[in-house]
Amino acid sequence: MKDFVCIDLETTGLTPKTNHIIEIGAVKVKDGRVADTYSALVNPGRRLEQRIIDLTGIRDADLEGAPSIGEVLPDFLAFEEELPLLGHSVLFDYSFLKKEAVNHKLSFDRQGVDTLQIARKYLQALPSRSLGVLCEYYGIPHNAHRALEDALATVRLYERLLADFFDPGESVFVPKPLIFQVKREQPASKKQKEQLYRLMEQHKITETGVDVEMLSRNEASRLADRIRSGAIQ
């Protein structure tokens, strides 16, 4: 695979259904050489948990003026050019992007190669096949948990794995369809948002940690339930 885009995301958590993208990093490789890079912060419409701030170094202040995923996604897809994807646990990143593409009525069906699967097959003796451990093993510079830096490190890792283990007969080196089934989430209705604002006023809540205007219907319903139960005060 000589033409591809390596992707990495930072997110508010590990579950695409309930968590959101906060940073996209991507490296475009053409004919085996890095041709271009892409990096964008994304406003998720909610405050970050401290564990995410500690992990990534990204703070709420960094995201306040950042565009929403609806603004970022078309630019990223134009950069990506429908090329095969590379990633370390690539289905994780693909699943977040697929969810947002579906939500914004955009097509995003891709094939991909996973460096984690390659490492699991050929480097079983290592104590871990995390990106950090593999970069240390190969002496690859790595500024962990920032999207573009992780994507660049993954490209370098892929180059080393190809040099050491490439076999055209092995399926781990062949791009395969990335499958993630997801239904489109409807944005919160005007009635739901009005209801939330009334509930906040009734319960004297000035801050929920989320931007009501960016919620989906399911998220708005869950937030209303939390306010009624007293979980948010």
Protein backbone atom coordinates (compact mmCIF):
# COMPACT_ATOMS: atom_id res chain seq x y z
CA MET A 1 0.00 0.00 0.00
CA LYS A 2 1.85 3.07 -1.28
CA ASP A 3 -1.04 5.55 -1.46
CA PHE A 4 -3.05 6.04 1.73
CA VAL A 5 -4.05 8.41 4.50
CA CYS A 6 -2.99 7.65 8.06
CA ILE A 7 -5.54 8.91 10.57
CA ASP A 8 -5.56 9.50 14.30
CA LEU A 9 -8.16 11.17 16.52
CA GLU A 10 -8.36 12.55 20.00
CA THR A 11 -11.83 12.14 21.49
CA THR A 12 -13.83 12.84 24.64
CA GLY A 13 -13.96 9.10 25.36
CA LEU A 14 -13.80 5.64 23.86
CA THR A 15 -17.39 5.09 22.67
CA PRO A 16 -18.46 6.59 19.32
CA LYS A 17 -22.14 6.53 20.28
CA THR A 18 -21.74 8.86 23.26
CA ASN A 19 -18.36 10.55 22.78
CA HIS A 20 -17.06 13.15 20.35
CA ILE A 21 -13.99 14.07 18.29
CA ILE A 22 -11.80 16.89 19.63
CA GLU A 23 -8.86 16.62 17.22
CA ILE A 24 -8.18 15.09 13.80
CA GLY A 25 -4.67 14.41 12.56
CA ALA A 26 -3.89 12.83 9.20
CA VAL A 27 -0.89 12.15 6.99
CA LYS A 28 -1.31 11.66 3.25
CA VAL A 29 1.20 9.29 1.66
CA LYS A 30 1.58 9.08 -2.12
CA ASP A 31 3.94 6.61 -3.78
CA GLY A 32 5.34 5.72 -0.37
CA ARG A 33 6.27 9.31 0.57
CA VAL A 34 4.60 11.80 2.87
CA ALA A 35 2.81 14.24 0.56
CA ASP A 36 0.75 16.34 2.95
CA THR A 37 -0.58 16.57 6.51
CA TYR A 38 -3.86 17.65 8.07
CA SER A 39 -4.57 18.83 11.60
CA ALA A 40 -7.69 20.37 13.12
CA LEU A 41 -9.10 20.92 16.58
CA VAL A 42 -12.85 20.30 16.87
CA ASN A 43 -15.27 21.89 19.30
CA PRO A 44 -17.28 18.99 20.80
CA GLY A 45 -19.87 21.26 22.41
CA ARG A 46 -19.09 20.11 25.94
CA ARG A 47 -16.49 20.49 28.65
CA LEU A 48 -13.65 17.99 28.68
CA GLU A 49 -13.18 15.60 31.56
CA GLN A 50 -9.97 16.13 33.49
CA ARG A 51 -8.66 12.71 32.43
CA ILE A 52 -8.88 13.78 28.76
CA ILE A 53 -7.12 17.07 29.51
CA ASP A 54 -4.39 15.17 31.35
CA LEU A 55 -4.04 12.63 28.53
CA THR A 56 -3.96 15.00 25.57
CA GLY A 57 -2.98 18.38 26.97
CA ILE A 58 -5.96 19.82 25.08
CA ARG A 59 -8.01 22.21 27.23
CA ASP A 60 -11.48 23.67 26.96
CA ALA A 61 -9.96 27.06 26.12
CA ASP A 62 -8.21 25.49 23.11
CA LEU A 63 -11.56 24.33 21.72
CA GLU A 64 -13.76 27.34 22.43
CA GLY A 65 -13.02 28.98 19.09
CA ALA A 66 -12.56 25.76 17.15
CA PRO A 67 -15.03 24.77 14.42
CA SER A 68 -17.66 22.08 14.93
CA ILE A 69 -17.27 18.65 13.36
CA GLY A 70 -19.87 19.65 10.77
CA GLU A 71 -17.52 22.38 9.58
CA VAL A 72 -14.33 20.29 9.78
CA LEU A 73 -15.53 17.05 8.23
CA PRO A 74 -15.97 18.24 4.60
CA ASP A 75 -12.44 19.70 4.66
CA PHE A 76 -11.02 16.47 6.03
CA LEU A 77 -12.85 14.36 3.44
CA ALA A 78 -11.51 16.58 0.65
CA PHE A 79 -8.00 16.07 2.04
CA GLU A 80 -8.52 12.31 2.38
CA GLU A 81 -9.48 11.84 -1.31
CA GLU A 82 -11.19 8.48 -0.64
CA LEU A 83 -7.78 6.82 -0.21
CA PRO A 84 -7.35 3.67 1.90
CA LEU A 85 -6.84 4.40 5.58
CA LEU A 86 -3.98 3.42 7.86
CA GLY A 87 -4.17 3.57 11.61
CA HIS A 88 -3.13 1.98 14.87
CA SER A 89 -6.44 0.33 15.80
CA VAL A 90 -7.82 2.00 12.71
CA LEU A 91 -11.42 0.89 13.27
CA PHE A 92 -11.56 3.04 16.42
CA ASP A 93 -10.80 6.23 14.49
CA TYR A 94 -12.90 5.17 11.52
CA SER A 95 -15.93 4.52 13.73
CA PHE A 96 -15.93 8.09 15.09
CA LEU A 97 -15.52 9.55 11.61
CA LYS A 98 -18.18 7.24 10.17
CA LYS A 99 -20.67 8.26 12.86
CA GLU A 100 -20.14 11.94 12.12
CA ALA A 101 -20.29 11.38 8.36
CA VAL A 102 -23.63 9.58 8.71
CA ASN A 103 -24.95 12.31 11.01
CA HIS A 104 -24.05 14.95 8.42
CA LYS A 105 -25.36 12.95 5.44
CA LEU A 106 -21.89 12.39 3.98
CA SER A 107 -20.56 9.22 2.39
CA PHE A 108 -17.59 7.60 4.12
CA ASP A 109 -16.97 3.95 3.25
CA ARG A 110 -13.31 3.04 3.20
CA GLN A 111 -10.79 0.22 3.25
CA GLY A 112 -7.91 0.16 5.68
CA VAL A 113 -4.81 -1.46 7.13
CA ASP A 114 -4.19 -1.70 10.87
CA THR A 115 -0.64 -1.47 12.24
CA LEU A 116 -1.89 -2.94 15.52
CA GLN A 117 -2.98 -6.12 13.75
CA ILE A 118 0.38 -6.36 11.99
CA ALA A 119 2.24 -5.91 15.28
CA ARG A 120 0.07 -8.49 17.03
CA LYS A 121 0.95 -11.02 14.33
CA TYR A 122 4.70 -10.46 14.16
CA LEU A 123 5.76 -8.90 17.48
CA GLN A 124 4.11 -11.19 19.98
CA ALA A 125 7.15 -11.23 22.26
CA LEU A 126 6.74 -7.57 23.19
CA PRO A 127 4.96 -6.83 26.49
CA SER A 128 2.49 -4.60 24.61
CA ARG A 129 1.73 -3.58 21.06
CA SER A 130 0.61 -0.07 22.00
CA LEU A 131 1.82 2.70 19.72
CA GLY A 132 4.07 4.03 22.47
CA VAL A 133 5.74 0.69 23.12
CA LEU A 134 6.21 0.01 19.41
CA CYS A 135 7.71 3.45 18.80
CA GLU A 136 10.13 2.89 21.68
CA TYR A 137 11.02 -0.55 20.28
CA TYR A 138 11.83 0.93 16.87
CA GLY A 139 13.31 4.18 18.12
CA ILE A 140 10.61 6.28 16.48
CA PRO A 141 10.17 9.81 17.92
CA HIS A 142 6.68 10.09 19.35
CA ASN A 143 4.76 12.88 21.07
CA ALA A 144 1.89 10.75 22.32
CA HIS A 145 -1.80 11.66 22.38
CA ARG A 146 -1.81 14.51 19.89
CA ALA A 147 -3.50 13.45 16.71
CA LEU A 148 -1.03 14.56 14.04
CA GLU A 149 1.98 13.40 16.04
CA ASP A 150 0.38 9.98 16.53
CA ALA A 151 -0.46 9.77 12.82
CA LEU A 152 3.11 10.65 11.82
CA ALA A 153 4.47 8.05 14.25
CA THR A 154 2.09 5.45 12.84
CA VAL A 155 3.35 6.10 9.31
CA ARG A 156 6.93 5.58 10.49
CA LEU A 157 5.88 2.42 12.32
CA TYR A 158 4.19 1.10 9.18
CA GLU A 159 7.37 1.70 7.20
CA ARG A 160 9.36 -0.36 9.73
CA LEU A 161 6.78 -3.14 9.81
CA LEU A 162 6.81 -3.30 6.01
CA ALA A 163 10.60 -3.45 5.93
CA ASP A 164 10.72 -6.23 8.54
CA PHE A 165 7.69 -8.38 7.75
CA PHE A 166 5.99 -7.55 4.45
CA ASP A 167 4.61 -10.58 2.67
CA PRO A 168 2.16 -9.97 -0.20
CA GLY A 169 0.44 -13.22 0.72
CA GLU A 170 -0.40 -12.07 4.25
CA SER A 171 -3.84 -10.53 4.64
CA VAL A 172 -2.76 -8.07 7.36
CA PHE A 173 -0.96 -6.03 4.69
CA VAL A 174 -3.98 -5.91 2.35
CA PRO A 175 -6.57 -3.10 2.76
CA LYS A 176 -9.92 -4.51 3.86
CA PRO A 177 -13.34 -2.88 4.07
CA LEU A 178 -13.80 -1.07 7.38
CA ILE A 179 -17.20 -1.95 8.79
CA PHE A 180 -19.01 0.12 11.39
CA GLN A 181 -22.80 0.14 11.45
CA VAL A 182 -24.37 3.32 12.73
CA LYS A 183 -27.72 5.07 12.42
CA ARG A 184 -28.04 8.78 11.86
CA GLU A 185 -28.68 10.80 15.02
CA GLN A 186 -31.25 13.54 14.69
CA PRO A 187 -30.34 16.94 16.14
CA ALA A 188 -32.31 18.02 19.18
CA SER A 189 -35.65 19.51 18.24
CA LYS A 190 -36.61 23.10 19.00
CA LYS A 191 -39.10 21.78 21.57
CA GLN A 192 -36.41 19.71 23.31
CA LYS A 193 -34.04 22.67 23.52
CA GLU A 194 -36.75 24.94 24.86
CA GLN A 195 -37.61 22.30 27.44
CA LEU A 196 -33.97 22.04 28.53
CA TYR A 197 -33.67 25.79 28.95
CA ARG A 198 -36.87 25.79 31.07
CA LEU A 199 -35.57 22.92 33.21
CA MET A 200 -32.28 24.73 33.74
CA GLU A 201 -34.16 27.84 34.82
CA GLN A 202 -36.49 25.90 37.12
CA HIS A 203 -33.59 24.06 38.78
CA LYS A 204 -31.45 27.22 38.88
CA ILE A 205 -28.76 25.60 36.76
CA THR A 206 -26.47 28.02 34.96
CA GLU A 207 -23.97 25.54 33.56
CA THR A 208 -24.47 21.95 32.33
CA GLY A 209 -21.07 21.46 30.72
CA VAL A 210 -22.61 21.07 27.26
CA ASP A 211 -23.77 23.35 24.47
CA VAL A 212 -27.51 22.68 24.25
CA GLU A 213 -27.58 23.90 20.65
CA MET A 214 -25.19 21.10 19.59
CA LEU A 215 -27.02 18.17 21.22
CA SER A 216 -28.65 15.28 19.41
CA ARG A 217 -32.17 14.22 20.34
CA ASN A 218 -30.87 11.33 22.43
CA GLU A 219 -28.34 13.54 24.19
CA ALA A 220 -30.99 16.16 24.92
CA SER A 221 -33.27 13.49 26.37
CA ARG A 222 -30.49 12.11 28.59
CA LEU A 223 -29.57 15.60 29.79
CA ALA A 224 -33.19 16.37 30.68
CA ASP A 225 -33.37 13.13 32.69
CA ARG A 226 -30.19 14.02 34.56
CA ILE A 227 -31.51 17.47 35.45
CA ARG A 228 -34.81 16.05 36.70
CA SER A 229 -33.02 13.42 38.80
CA GLY A 230 -30.81 16.02 40.45
CA ALA A 231 -27.63 14.61 38.94
CA ILE A 232 -26.85 18.12 37.66
CA GLN A 233 -27.15 20.99 40.13
